[in-house]
Amino acid sequence: MIGVAPLGAPGQVQDPIALAEIELCGDLMIAASSANVDRLSQASIDEILRVREDRRTSR
């Protein structure tokens, strides 16, 4: 690939928040593709995204 820095290259920056968001999106896509329903429920999404109970009730 042109323009892609190799891992560990000088000046390479890793954003831990972005990496965590990418991982959660991947988890959500895997769950959605393996579900036996058209749409995941909000409770299922919250579980997949590891939303704590106290956050769900404060909305």
N, C-alpha and C. Protein backbone atom coordinates (compact mmCIF):
# COMPACT_ATOMS: atom_id res chain seq x y z
N MET A 1 0.84 -1.19 0.00
CA MET A 1 0.00 0.00 0.00
C MET A 1 0.88 1.25 0.00
N ILE A 2 0.52 2.18 -0.78
CA ILE A 2 1.28 3.42 -0.87
C ILE A 2 0.80 4.38 0.20
N GLY A 3 1.76 5.02 0.88
CA GLY A 3 1.41 6.05 1.86
C GLY A 3 1.07 5.53 3.24
N VAL A 4 1.28 4.25 3.50
CA VAL A 4 0.99 3.70 4.82
C VAL A 4 2.30 3.48 5.55
N ALA A 5 2.42 4.04 6.74
CA ALA A 5 3.64 3.89 7.52
C ALA A 5 3.69 2.50 8.14
N PRO A 6 4.84 1.86 8.14
CA PRO A 6 4.95 0.56 8.79
C PRO A 6 4.77 0.68 10.30
N LEU A 7 4.33 -0.39 10.93
CA LEU A 7 4.15 -0.37 12.38
C LEU A 7 5.46 -0.01 13.06
N GLY A 8 5.38 0.82 14.07
CA GLY A 8 6.56 1.21 14.81
C GLY A 8 7.39 2.27 14.12
N ALA A 9 6.86 2.87 13.07
CA ALA A 9 7.60 3.90 12.35
C ALA A 9 7.73 5.14 13.22
N PRO A 10 8.84 5.86 13.07
CA PRO A 10 8.99 7.11 13.84
C PRO A 10 7.84 8.06 13.54
N GLY A 11 7.33 8.68 14.58
CA GLY A 11 6.23 9.62 14.41
C GLY A 11 4.86 8.99 14.34
N GLN A 12 4.82 7.68 14.42
CA GLN A 12 3.52 7.00 14.37
C GLN A 12 2.77 7.28 15.67
N VAL A 13 1.52 7.63 15.54
CA VAL A 13 0.69 7.96 16.70
C VAL A 13 -0.44 6.95 16.79
N GLN A 14 -0.67 6.45 18.00
CA GLN A 14 -1.82 5.58 18.22
C GLN A 14 -2.79 6.29 19.14
N ASP A 15 -4.03 6.27 18.78
CA ASP A 15 -5.08 6.91 19.57
C ASP A 15 -5.84 5.80 20.27
N PRO A 16 -5.64 5.62 21.58
CA PRO A 16 -6.29 4.51 22.28
C PRO A 16 -7.82 4.61 22.28
N ILE A 17 -8.34 5.82 22.27
CA ILE A 17 -9.80 5.98 22.23
C ILE A 17 -10.34 5.53 20.88
N ALA A 18 -9.68 5.94 19.81
CA ALA A 18 -10.12 5.54 18.47
C ALA A 18 -10.01 4.02 18.32
N LEU A 19 -8.95 3.42 18.83
CA LEU A 19 -8.79 1.97 18.74
C LEU A 19 -9.90 1.26 19.52
N ALA A 20 -10.27 1.77 20.68
CA ALA A 20 -11.34 1.17 21.47
C ALA A 20 -12.68 1.29 20.74
N GLU A 21 -12.92 2.45 20.11
CA GLU A 21 -14.16 2.64 19.35
C GLU A 21 -14.23 1.68 18.16
N ILE A 22 -13.11 1.48 17.49
CA ILE A 22 -13.07 0.55 16.36
C ILE A 22 -13.37 -0.86 16.84
N GLU A 23 -12.81 -1.25 17.98
CA GLU A 23 -13.06 -2.58 18.53
C GLU A 23 -14.54 -2.76 18.88
N LEU A 24 -15.15 -1.74 19.50
CA LEU A 24 -16.57 -1.83 19.85
C LEU A 24 -17.45 -1.90 18.60
N CYS A 25 -17.09 -1.14 17.57
CA CYS A 25 -17.85 -1.21 16.31
C CYS A 25 -17.74 -2.60 15.70
N GLY A 26 -16.56 -3.18 15.76
CA GLY A 26 -16.38 -4.54 15.26
C GLY A 26 -17.24 -5.53 16.03
N ASP A 27 -17.25 -5.38 17.37
CA ASP A 27 -18.09 -6.26 18.20
C ASP A 27 -19.56 -6.13 17.82
N LEU A 28 -19.98 -4.90 17.57
CA LEU A 28 -21.38 -4.64 17.20
C LEU A 28 -21.71 -5.24 15.83
N MET A 29 -20.81 -5.12 14.87
CA MET A 29 -21.04 -5.68 13.55
C MET A 29 -21.09 -7.21 13.59
N ILE A 30 -20.23 -7.82 14.38
CA ILE A 30 -20.23 -9.28 14.52
C ILE A 30 -21.55 -9.73 15.13
N ALA A 31 -21.98 -9.06 16.19
CA ALA A 31 -23.24 -9.44 16.84
C ALA A 31 -24.42 -9.26 15.90
N ALA A 32 -24.43 -8.16 15.15
CA ALA A 32 -25.55 -7.90 14.23
C ALA A 32 -25.58 -8.93 13.11
N SER A 33 -24.43 -9.31 12.61
CA SER A 33 -24.41 -10.27 11.50
C SER A 33 -24.76 -11.68 11.94
N SER A 34 -24.57 -11.98 13.21
CA SER A 34 -24.88 -13.33 13.68
C SER A 34 -26.24 -13.42 14.37
N ALA A 35 -26.96 -12.30 14.49
CA ALA A 35 -28.26 -12.28 15.15
C ALA A 35 -29.32 -12.90 14.24
N ASN A 36 -30.32 -13.48 14.86
CA ASN A 36 -31.43 -14.10 14.13
C ASN A 36 -32.62 -13.16 14.00
N VAL A 37 -32.37 -11.87 14.13
CA VAL A 37 -33.42 -10.86 14.02
C VAL A 37 -32.96 -9.79 13.04
N ASP A 38 -33.92 -8.97 12.55
CA ASP A 38 -33.58 -7.90 11.62
C ASP A 38 -32.80 -6.78 12.30
N ARG A 39 -33.19 -6.47 13.54
CA ARG A 39 -32.55 -5.39 14.29
C ARG A 39 -32.24 -5.85 15.71
N LEU A 40 -31.12 -5.40 16.22
CA LEU A 40 -30.79 -5.68 17.62
C LEU A 40 -31.59 -4.75 18.51
N SER A 41 -32.01 -5.25 19.65
CA SER A 41 -32.73 -4.40 20.60
C SER A 41 -31.74 -3.44 21.26
N GLN A 42 -32.28 -2.38 21.84
CA GLN A 42 -31.42 -1.41 22.53
C GLN A 42 -30.67 -2.10 23.67
N ALA A 43 -31.33 -3.01 24.36
CA ALA A 43 -30.68 -3.73 25.46
C ALA A 43 -29.52 -4.58 24.94
N SER A 44 -29.70 -5.22 23.79
CA SER A 44 -28.61 -6.01 23.20
C SER A 44 -27.44 -5.13 22.81
N ILE A 45 -27.75 -4.00 22.21
CA ILE A 45 -26.69 -3.06 21.81
C ILE A 45 -25.93 -2.57 23.04
N ASP A 46 -26.67 -2.20 24.08
CA ASP A 46 -26.02 -1.74 25.31
C ASP A 46 -25.11 -2.82 25.89
N GLU A 47 -25.57 -4.06 25.85
CA GLU A 47 -24.75 -5.16 26.37
C GLU A 47 -23.48 -5.34 25.53
N ILE A 48 -23.62 -5.30 24.23
CA ILE A 48 -22.47 -5.46 23.33
C ILE A 48 -21.47 -4.33 23.53
N LEU A 49 -21.98 -3.11 23.68
CA LEU A 49 -21.12 -1.95 23.85
C LEU A 49 -20.69 -1.73 25.30
N ARG A 50 -21.12 -2.64 26.16
CA ARG A 50 -20.73 -2.63 27.59
C ARG A 50 -21.18 -1.34 28.28
N VAL A 51 -22.42 -0.92 27.99
CA VAL A 51 -22.99 0.25 28.66
C VAL A 51 -23.43 -0.18 30.05
N ARG A 52 -22.99 0.55 31.03
CA ARG A 52 -23.35 0.20 32.41
C ARG A 52 -24.80 0.55 32.69
N GLU A 53 -25.38 -0.17 33.62
CA GLU A 53 -26.79 0.03 33.98
C GLU A 53 -27.06 1.46 34.43
N ASP A 54 -26.18 2.06 35.22
CA ASP A 54 -26.44 3.41 35.73
C ASP A 54 -26.43 4.43 34.60
N ARG A 55 -25.71 4.22 33.52
CA ARG A 55 -25.74 5.13 32.37
C ARG A 55 -27.04 5.01 31.61
N ARG A 56 -27.57 3.79 31.52
CA ARG A 56 -28.81 3.57 30.77
C ARG A 56 -29.99 4.24 31.46
N THR A 57 -30.01 4.25 32.77
CA THR A 57 -31.14 4.81 33.50
C THR A 57 -31.07 6.32 33.64
N SER A 58 -29.92 6.93 33.34
CA SER A 58 -29.78 8.38 33.51
C SER A 58 -30.14 9.14 32.25
N ARG A 59 -30.55 8.48 31.19
CA ARG A 59 -30.91 9.18 29.93
C ARG A 59 -32.22 9.85 30.04
